[in-house]
């Protein structure tokens, strides 16, 4: 009798679990849309876009995979940051993402696009540069970006012996200082400059 009751209880539990598994998953909490400014190369003027799906850039992650990222609060990331795939970063007005004495490193084939907002004073600082070697791309539409290259590295561009990648600056305030023998923007020591385009 006890064995039969145990079997019946197990069957009921299994049936309940199967039924719960068929229920629709709860919807993800909606994110507040955020605006950003970008330079439209077709009209040669700045436009306003809206991003509705993004990852919180202040979550102290040291790897950003393809997608959109938004900085809702001042943040410090005390490690090198690796960018994989096509990454878009929106800098919120009045806030700062500080990597301290660390670098942003673009992986082969990766691209990083940085946007500001209406005022354009959202800030990104990287104490060991933004590494944009050959076969990668960095585009800055706005915000305030400051980068200092490590020894023999560009402030924005290649590392030691590396050619710079494709670097395009449409707007914002950009300050880039190379390390010894490294360009401010372009190639690292013993490296070629890559392609650098500055408009506006």
Protein backbone atom coordinates (compact mmCIF):
# COMPACT_ATOMS: atom_id res chain seq x y z
CA UNK A 1 0.00 0.00 0.00
CA UNK A 2 2.79 2.42 0.92
CA UNK A 3 4.64 1.58 -2.34
CA UNK A 4 1.46 2.29 -4.35
CA UNK A 5 1.00 5.66 -2.62
CA UNK A 6 4.63 6.53 -3.28
CA UNK A 7 4.18 5.70 -6.98
CA UNK A 8 1.00 7.81 -7.10
CA UNK A 9 2.76 10.77 -5.43
CA UNK A 10 5.67 10.51 -7.88
CA UNK A 11 3.26 10.43 -10.83
CA UNK A 12 1.43 13.53 -9.59
CA UNK A 13 4.71 15.39 -9.04
CA UNK A 14 5.92 14.50 -12.52
CA UNK A 15 2.63 15.59 -14.11
CA UNK A 16 2.75 18.91 -12.24
CA UNK A 17 6.32 19.53 -13.37
CA UNK A 18 5.37 18.82 -16.99
CA UNK A 19 2.40 21.19 -16.79
CA UNK A 20 4.52 23.97 -15.30
CA UNK A 21 7.06 23.47 -18.07
CA UNK A 22 4.36 24.17 -20.65
CA UNK A 23 3.47 27.56 -19.14
CA UNK A 24 4.80 30.57 -21.07
CA UNK A 25 8.00 32.08 -19.68
CA UNK A 26 7.52 35.45 -17.96
CA UNK A 27 8.29 38.41 -20.21
CA UNK A 28 11.56 40.22 -19.63
CA UNK A 29 11.23 43.55 -17.89
CA UNK A 30 11.01 46.34 -20.42
CA UNK A 31 13.99 48.67 -20.61
CA UNK A 32 13.67 52.44 -20.71
CA UNK A 33 14.59 53.57 -24.24
CA UNK A 34 17.67 55.81 -24.37
CA UNK A 35 18.57 58.38 -27.00
CA UNK A 36 21.95 58.85 -28.65
CA UNK A 37 23.41 61.10 -31.34
CA UNK A 38 25.09 59.81 -34.47
CA UNK A 39 26.57 61.34 -37.58
CA UNK A 40 24.59 60.41 -40.70
CA UNK A 41 27.07 60.13 -43.55
CA UNK A 42 24.24 60.35 -46.08
CA UNK A 43 23.05 63.78 -44.90
CA UNK A 44 26.35 64.95 -43.36
CA UNK A 45 24.64 65.99 -40.16
CA UNK A 46 23.95 64.63 -36.70
CA UNK A 47 20.71 62.77 -36.05
CA UNK A 48 19.08 61.34 -32.91
CA UNK A 49 18.52 57.62 -32.57
CA UNK A 50 16.78 55.53 -29.91
CA UNK A 51 18.04 52.28 -28.41
CA UNK A 52 15.47 50.04 -26.70
CA UNK A 53 17.51 46.91 -25.95
CA UNK A 54 20.92 47.16 -24.31
CA UNK A 55 23.26 45.75 -21.67
CA UNK A 56 24.22 47.71 -18.57
CA UNK A 57 27.84 48.80 -19.20
CA UNK A 58 28.42 49.33 -15.48
CA UNK A 59 28.16 45.61 -14.64
CA UNK A 60 31.96 45.32 -14.36
CA UNK A 61 32.13 42.73 -17.13
CA UNK A 62 35.58 42.50 -18.75
CA UNK A 63 34.22 41.15 -22.05
CA UNK A 64 31.72 42.87 -24.30
CA UNK A 65 30.22 40.71 -27.02
CA UNK A 66 28.24 42.01 -30.00
CA UNK A 67 25.33 44.26 -29.02
CA UNK A 68 24.44 47.63 -27.50
CA UNK A 69 25.75 48.86 -24.13
CA UNK A 70 24.60 51.83 -22.06
CA UNK A 71 26.20 53.47 -19.04
CA UNK A 72 23.52 54.45 -16.47
CA UNK A 73 25.88 55.26 -13.59
CA UNK A 74 29.51 56.27 -12.94
CA UNK A 75 31.63 53.13 -13.07
CA UNK A 76 35.22 51.94 -12.71
CA UNK A 77 36.44 48.72 -14.34
CA UNK A 78 39.89 47.88 -13.01
CA UNK A 79 40.78 45.32 -15.66
CA UNK A 80 41.42 45.25 -19.39
CA UNK A 81 38.20 45.17 -21.40
CA UNK A 82 37.92 42.93 -24.49
CA UNK A 83 35.54 43.79 -27.33
CA UNK A 84 34.23 40.94 -29.53
CA UNK A 85 32.04 41.39 -32.59
CA UNK A 86 30.08 44.57 -33.37
CA UNK A 87 29.72 46.57 -30.15
CA UNK A 88 27.90 49.89 -29.67
CA UNK A 89 28.39 52.01 -26.52
CA UNK A 90 26.21 54.94 -25.46
CA UNK A 91 27.82 57.33 -22.96
CA UNK A 92 25.19 58.98 -20.79
CA UNK A 93 25.51 62.74 -20.32
CA UNK A 94 27.35 63.67 -17.13
CA UNK A 95 28.63 60.16 -16.30
CA UNK A 96 32.00 58.43 -16.64
CA UNK A 97 33.24 54.93 -17.45
CA UNK A 98 36.80 54.76 -16.12
CA UNK A 99 39.09 51.83 -16.89
CA UNK A 100 41.82 53.18 -14.64
CA UNK A 101 45.27 52.04 -15.76
CA UNK A 102 43.85 49.49 -18.18
CA UNK A 103 43.12 49.12 -21.89
CA UNK A 104 40.22 48.41 -24.21
CA UNK A 105 41.32 45.67 -26.61
CA UNK A 106 39.45 45.01 -29.86
CA UNK A 107 39.62 41.36 -30.95
CA UNK A 108 40.33 40.51 -34.62
CA UNK A 109 37.37 41.54 -36.77
CA UNK A 110 35.71 43.48 -33.93
CA UNK A 111 34.29 47.00 -34.10
CA UNK A 112 33.46 49.50 -31.37
CA UNK A 113 31.14 52.45 -32.02
CA UNK A 114 30.82 55.14 -29.33
CA UNK A 115 27.91 57.58 -29.09
CA UNK A 116 27.22 60.60 -26.90
CA UNK A 117 23.89 62.16 -26.00
CA UNK A 118 22.51 65.69 -26.35
CA UNK A 119 25.10 67.46 -24.15
CA UNK A 120 27.95 65.14 -25.14
CA UNK A 121 29.81 65.11 -21.82
CA UNK A 122 29.50 61.40 -21.04
CA UNK A 123 33.10 60.28 -20.57
CA UNK A 124 35.22 57.20 -21.31
CA UNK A 125 38.82 57.01 -20.07
CA UNK A 126 41.38 54.25 -20.66
CA UNK A 127 44.77 54.64 -18.97
CA UNK A 128 46.50 52.12 -21.26
CA UNK A 129 44.78 53.06 -24.47
CA UNK A 130 42.11 51.83 -26.82
CA UNK A 131 43.77 49.08 -28.86
CA UNK A 132 42.49 49.22 -32.42
CA UNK A 133 44.89 47.04 -34.45
CA UNK A 134 44.61 46.15 -38.15
CA UNK A 135 41.36 44.37 -39.11
CA UNK A 136 39.37 46.15 -36.38
CA UNK A 137 37.42 49.42 -36.39
CA UNK A 138 36.62 52.23 -33.95
CA UNK A 139 34.03 54.91 -34.72
CA UNK A 140 33.33 57.85 -32.38
CA UNK A 141 30.15 59.85 -32.92
CA UNK A 142 30.25 61.81 -29.68
CA UNK A 143 30.95 61.89 -25.97
CA UNK A 144 34.30 62.61 -24.34
CA UNK A 145 36.99 59.99 -24.90
CA UNK A 146 40.45 60.10 -23.30
CA UNK A 147 43.12 57.44 -23.84
CA UNK A 148 46.81 57.18 -22.94
CA UNK A 149 48.85 54.52 -24.71
CA UNK A 150 51.02 52.03 -22.86
CA UNK A 151 54.77 51.89 -23.66
CA UNK A 152 55.27 51.73 -27.46
CA UNK A 153 51.48 51.73 -27.99
CA UNK A 154 49.19 54.28 -29.58
CA UNK A 155 46.71 56.12 -27.42
CA UNK A 156 44.05 54.95 -29.87
CA UNK A 157 45.29 52.39 -32.39
CA UNK A 158 47.91 49.66 -32.58
CA UNK A 159 50.04 48.13 -29.87
CA UNK A 160 53.79 47.63 -30.16
CA UNK A 161 54.67 46.61 -33.73
CA UNK A 162 51.01 46.73 -34.78
CA UNK A 163 49.44 48.74 -37.55
CA UNK A 164 46.45 50.80 -36.52
CA UNK A 165 43.01 49.71 -37.69
CA UNK A 166 40.19 51.80 -39.18
CA UNK A 167 39.58 54.77 -36.88
CA UNK A 168 36.81 57.26 -37.69
CA UNK A 169 35.94 60.29 -35.55
CA UNK A 170 32.79 62.21 -36.48
CA UNK A 171 32.38 64.26 -33.32
CA UNK A 172 32.84 64.51 -29.58
CA UNK A 173 35.95 65.47 -27.65
CA UNK A 174 38.84 63.05 -28.14
CA UNK A 175 42.18 63.24 -26.33
CA UNK A 176 44.73 60.57 -27.23
CA UNK A 177 48.36 60.43 -26.07
CA UNK A 178 50.68 57.72 -27.34
CA UNK A 179 53.21 55.94 -25.19
CA UNK A 180 56.91 56.21 -26.11
CA UNK A 181 57.21 55.76 -29.91
CA UNK A 182 53.45 55.27 -30.23
CA UNK A 183 51.15 57.65 -32.12
CA UNK A 184 48.39 59.54 -30.40
CA UNK A 185 46.00 58.04 -32.97
CA UNK A 186 47.33 55.42 -35.42
CA UNK A 187 50.10 52.85 -35.14
CA UNK A 188 52.12 51.61 -32.22
CA UNK A 189 55.93 51.72 -32.16
CA UNK A 190 57.26 50.19 -35.43
CA UNK A 191 53.69 49.92 -36.73
CA UNK A 192 51.87 51.62 -39.59
CA UNK A 193 49.19 54.22 -39.03
CA UNK A 194 46.20 52.36 -40.45
CA UNK A 195 43.28 54.45 -41.73
CA UNK A 196 42.32 57.51 -39.71
CA UNK A 197 39.40 59.72 -40.75
CA UNK A 198 38.37 62.82 -38.77
CA UNK A 199 35.36 64.90 -39.84
CA UNK A 200 33.46 67.82 -38.39
